C-alpha atoms as a PDB file:
ATOM      1  CA  MET A   1      -0.014  -0.131   0.032  1.00  0.00           C
ATOM      2  CA  LYS A   2       3.244   2.635   0.674  1.00  0.00           C
ATOM      3  CA  VAL A   3       4.172   1.846  -2.899  1.00  0.00           C
ATOM      4  CA  ILE A   4       0.710   2.562  -4.241  1.00  0.00           C
ATOM      5  CA  LEU A   5       0.626   5.728  -1.654  1.00  0.00           C
ATOM      6  CA  LYS A   6       3.836   7.178  -3.126  1.00  0.00           C
ATOM      7  CA  GLU A   7       2.619   6.932  -6.723  1.00  0.00           C
ATOM      8  CA  LEU A   8      -0.392   8.642  -5.944  1.00  0.00           C
ATOM      9  CA  HIS A   9       1.774  11.714  -4.282  1.00  0.00           C
ATOM     10  CA  GLU A  10       4.180  11.601  -7.476  1.00  0.00           C
ATOM     11  CA  THR A  11       0.823  11.983  -9.715  1.00  0.00           C
ATOM     12  CA  PHE A  12      -0.248  14.594  -7.774  1.00  0.00           C
ATOM     13  CA  VAL A  13       2.616  16.496  -8.374  1.00  0.00           C
ATOM     14  CA  CYS A  14       2.796  15.776 -11.934  1.00  0.00           C
ATOM     15  CA  LEU A  15      -0.960  16.889 -11.822  1.00  0.00           C
ATOM     16  CA  LYS A  16      -0.156  19.962 -10.048  1.00  0.00           C
ATOM     17  CA  ILE A  17       2.604  20.867 -12.753  1.00  0.00           C
ATOM     18  CA  ILE A  18       0.293  20.143 -15.781  1.00  0.00           C
ATOM     19  CA  HIS A  19      -2.311  22.686 -14.273  1.00  0.00           C
ATOM     20  CA  ARG A  20       0.161  25.699 -13.397  1.00  0.00           C
ATOM     21  CA  SER A  21       1.842  25.087 -16.901  1.00  0.00           C
ATOM     22  CA  LYS A  22      -1.607  25.206 -18.235  1.00  0.00           C
ATOM     23  CA  LEU A  23      -0.956  21.884 -20.518  1.00  0.00           C
ATOM     24  CA  TYR A  24      -4.401  20.728 -20.409  1.00  0.00           C
ATOM     25  CA  LYS A  25      -7.390  21.450 -23.075  1.00  0.00           C
ATOM     26  CA  THR A  26     -10.064  21.470 -20.190  1.00  0.00           C
ATOM     27  CA  GLU A  27      -8.901  23.056 -16.924  1.00  0.00           C
ATOM     28  CA  ASN A  28     -12.215  20.976 -15.328  1.00  0.00           C
ATOM     29  CA  LYS A  29     -10.732  17.843 -16.155  1.00  0.00           C
ATOM     30  CA  ILE A  30      -7.540  18.427 -14.601  1.00  0.00           C
ATOM     31  CA  ILE A  31      -8.901  19.944 -11.075  1.00  0.00           C
ATOM     32  CA  GLU A  32     -11.525  16.761 -11.114  1.00  0.00           C
ATOM     33  CA  ALA A  33      -8.347  14.759 -11.359  1.00  0.00           C
ATOM     34  CA  LYS A  34      -6.379  16.442  -8.923  1.00  0.00           C
ATOM     35  CA  LYS A  35      -9.474  16.108  -6.605  1.00  0.00           C
ATOM     36  CA  GLU A  36      -9.574  12.339  -7.427  1.00  0.00           C
ATOM     37  CA  ASN A  37      -6.028  11.783  -6.753  1.00  0.00           C
ATOM     38  CA  ASN A  38      -6.212  13.726  -3.399  1.00  0.00           C
ATOM     39  CA  GLU A  39      -9.381  11.636  -2.436  1.00  0.00           C
ATOM     40  CA  LEU A  40      -7.573   8.487  -3.341  1.00  0.00           C
ATOM     41  CA  ILE A  41      -4.436   9.659  -1.215  1.00  0.00           C
ATOM     42  CA  SER A  42      -6.610  10.002   1.511  1.00  0.00           C
ATOM     43  CA  ILE A  43      -8.076   6.585   1.263  1.00  0.00           C
ATOM     44  CA  PHE A  44      -5.146   4.753   1.298  1.00  0.00           C
ATOM     45  CA  VAL A  45      -3.636   7.106   4.393  1.00  0.00           C
ATOM     46  CA  LYS A  46      -6.410   5.740   6.200  1.00  0.00           C
ATOM     47  CA  SER A  47      -5.981   1.948   5.198  1.00  0.00           C
ATOM     48  CA  ILE A  48      -2.312   2.425   6.112  1.00  0.00           C
ATOM     49  CA  ARG A  49      -3.133   3.626   9.439  1.00  0.00           C
ATOM     50  CA  THR A  50      -6.113   1.075  10.138  1.00  0.00           C
ATOM     51  CA  ALA A  51      -3.652  -1.560   8.716  1.00  0.00           C
ATOM     52  CA  LYS A  52      -0.745  -0.779  11.304  1.00  0.00           C
ATOM     53  CA  LYS A  53      -3.469  -0.614  14.051  1.00  0.00           C
ATOM     54  CA  ASN A  54      -5.079  -3.717  13.426  1.00  0.00           C
ATOM     55  CA  LEU A  55      -0.748  -5.246  13.660  1.00  0.00           C
ATOM     56  CA  GLN A  56      -0.357  -3.744  16.819  1.00  0.00           C
ATOM     57  CA  SER A  57      -3.677  -5.328  18.131  1.00  0.00           C
ATOM     58  CA  GLN A  58      -2.821  -8.800  16.771  1.00  0.00           C
ATOM     59  CA  ILE A  59       0.929  -8.433  18.530  1.00  0.00           C
ATOM     60  CA  HIS A  60      -0.211  -6.775  22.109  1.00  0.00           C
ATOM     61  CA  PRO A  61      -3.804  -7.711  22.308  1.00  0.00           C
ATOM     62  CA  VAL A  62      -5.769  -5.552  25.019  1.00  0.00           C
ATOM     63  CA  GLU A  63      -6.796  -8.234  27.644  1.00  0.00           C
END
């Protein structure tokens, strides 16, 4: 999951460069792509946190 998160961050940076450089035909599409990418980043950050929490609870179960 961390590899996917890294790729999403890199994609977001590329989308920002495209947006700032005005290398697009329709601004709405680039804005929507950035928004969707950001939402995916949020999902994966939460998933990684949940996976770490679940792993910790398996290693150190609460009695």
